[in-house]
């Protein structure tokens, strides 16, 4: 059910359009490496469905 909703409201074609618009974060030395970046596609779909 949720997967169908994701495919309907945030299809891969929409990601293909949005991905180039997302700026790449600058690389910098981090003191704390505990924070990891999530999968951009998963985060994008979460924003679209919010």
Protein backbone atom coordinates (compact mmCIF):
# COMPACT_ATOMS: atom_id res chain seq x y z
CA UNK A 1 0.00 0.00 0.00
CA UNK A 2 2.65 2.54 0.99
CA UNK A 3 4.92 1.43 -1.87
CA UNK A 4 2.07 2.03 -4.33
CA UNK A 5 1.56 5.49 -2.89
CA UNK A 6 5.28 6.24 -3.21
CA UNK A 7 5.30 5.09 -6.84
CA UNK A 8 2.25 7.26 -7.54
CA UNK A 9 3.34 10.50 -5.85
CA UNK A 10 7.15 10.25 -6.16
CA UNK A 11 7.95 8.16 -9.25
CA UNK A 12 11.49 7.65 -10.48
CA UNK A 13 10.80 10.05 -13.36
CA UNK A 14 10.23 12.85 -10.85
CA UNK A 15 13.52 11.97 -9.14
CA UNK A 16 15.31 12.15 -12.50
CA UNK A 17 14.10 15.76 -12.79
CA UNK A 18 14.77 16.77 -9.17
CA UNK A 19 18.16 15.12 -8.61
CA UNK A 20 20.20 17.59 -10.72
CA UNK A 21 18.58 20.49 -8.83
CA UNK A 22 19.86 19.35 -5.43
CA UNK A 23 23.21 21.04 -4.69
CA UNK A 24 26.13 18.89 -3.68
CA UNK A 25 27.15 19.69 -0.10
CA UNK A 26 30.65 21.09 0.26
CA UNK A 27 33.26 18.66 1.48
CA UNK A 28 34.76 19.60 4.80
CA UNK A 29 36.67 17.94 7.57
CA UNK A 30 34.31 16.65 10.22
CA UNK A 31 35.35 16.13 13.78
CA UNK A 32 32.38 13.91 14.55
CA UNK A 33 31.87 11.19 11.93
CA UNK A 34 28.80 9.79 13.69
CA UNK A 35 26.37 11.58 11.38
CA UNK A 36 25.88 9.77 8.12
CA UNK A 37 23.96 11.03 5.13
CA UNK A 38 20.91 9.06 4.12
CA UNK A 39 19.93 7.97 0.67
CA UNK A 40 18.94 11.09 -1.29
CA UNK A 41 16.14 9.31 -3.13
CA UNK A 42 14.57 8.06 0.10
CA UNK A 43 14.76 11.54 1.63
CA UNK A 44 13.30 13.11 -1.52
CA UNK A 45 10.34 10.75 -1.47
CA UNK A 46 9.76 11.50 2.22
CA UNK A 47 9.59 15.23 1.46
CA UNK A 48 7.25 14.72 -1.48
CA UNK A 49 4.90 12.58 0.59
CA UNK A 50 4.99 14.87 3.65
